Amino acid sequence: MASNTNNNGSGRNRIVVPEARQALNQMKVEIASELGIGNYEGIDKGNLTSRQNGYVGGTITKRLVEFAERNMGK
């Protein structure tokens, strides 16, 4: 059975462009703040509800897709 982990077995997705990590983390903080989740960098994400975590991740995905569509001329 294939695994969705990277070679070091951490279970985390591999960042294709490592320089993007800081921008993605900043985006998470901004979106969490917009959604009313304060101090997102300093809180234990395990204490958030699945819905809260899902909103942050889903909003990031939505915005990245919108950005890509704008820049691809769609």
Protein backbone atom coordinates (compact mmCIF):
# COMPACT_ATOMS: atom_id res chain seq x y z
CA MET A 1 0.00 0.00 0.00
CA ALA A 2 1.39 3.43 -0.96
CA SER A 3 1.96 6.03 1.71
CA ASN A 4 1.40 9.78 1.51
CA THR A 5 4.48 10.55 3.55
CA ASN A 6 7.78 11.94 2.41
CA ASN A 7 11.07 10.07 2.66
CA ASN A 8 11.77 10.99 6.28
CA GLY A 9 8.50 9.43 7.43
CA SER A 10 7.24 12.58 9.14
CA GLY A 11 3.83 12.37 7.45
CA ARG A 12 4.01 16.00 6.38
CA ASN A 13 3.68 17.24 2.83
CA ARG A 14 6.92 18.22 1.14
CA ILE A 15 7.22 21.91 0.26
CA VAL A 16 8.17 22.04 -3.42
CA VAL A 17 9.38 25.63 -3.13
CA PRO A 18 10.94 25.95 0.35
CA GLU A 19 11.03 29.74 0.04
CA ALA A 20 7.21 29.71 0.02
CA ARG A 21 6.95 28.31 3.56
CA GLN A 22 7.15 31.73 5.23
CA ALA A 23 4.51 33.21 2.90
CA LEU A 24 2.17 30.26 3.51
CA ASN A 25 2.60 30.54 7.27
CA GLN A 26 1.86 34.27 7.10
CA MET A 27 -1.23 33.54 5.03
CA LYS A 28 -2.42 31.04 7.68
CA VAL A 29 -2.04 33.66 10.42
CA GLU A 30 -3.88 36.32 8.41
CA ILE A 31 -6.75 34.01 7.49
CA ALA A 32 -7.07 32.70 11.05
CA SER A 33 -7.25 36.29 12.28
CA GLU A 34 -9.95 37.11 9.71
CA LEU A 35 -11.88 34.08 10.97
CA GLY A 36 -11.63 35.28 14.57
CA ILE A 37 -8.91 32.87 15.69
CA GLY A 38 -6.39 35.02 17.54
CA ASN A 39 -2.75 34.18 18.34
CA TYR A 40 -2.79 31.40 15.71
CA GLU A 41 1.00 31.07 15.76
CA GLY A 42 1.11 30.49 19.50
CA ILE A 43 -1.87 28.23 20.09
CA ASP A 44 -1.98 24.44 20.12
CA LYS A 45 -3.85 23.64 16.89
CA GLY A 46 -5.06 20.42 18.53
CA ASN A 47 -7.24 22.55 20.78
CA LEU A 48 -9.09 24.00 17.79
CA THR A 49 -12.16 22.27 16.44
CA SER A 50 -12.00 20.36 13.18
CA ARG A 51 -14.25 23.02 11.71
CA GLN A 52 -11.88 25.83 12.69
CA ASN A 53 -8.85 24.03 11.28
CA GLY A 54 -10.83 23.16 8.16
CA TYR A 55 -11.87 26.75 7.59
CA VAL A 56 -8.26 27.93 7.75
CA GLY A 57 -7.01 25.24 5.36
CA GLY A 58 -9.99 25.55 3.04
CA THR A 59 -9.70 29.32 2.83
CA ILE A 60 -5.99 29.05 2.02
CA THR A 61 -6.76 26.59 -0.79
CA LYS A 62 -9.55 28.78 -2.14
CA ARG A 63 -7.33 31.87 -2.22
CA LEU A 64 -4.41 30.03 -3.82
CA VAL A 65 -6.70 28.70 -6.55
CA GLU A 66 -8.15 32.19 -7.12
CA PHE A 67 -4.62 33.62 -7.33
CA ALA A 68 -3.56 30.97 -9.84
CA GLU A 69 -6.66 31.52 -11.99
CA ARG A 70 -6.07 35.28 -12.07
CA ASN A 71 -2.45 34.81 -13.05
CA MET A 72 -3.25 32.23 -15.72
CA GLY A 73 -5.68 34.62 -17.40
CA LYS A 74 -8.88 32.73 -16.60
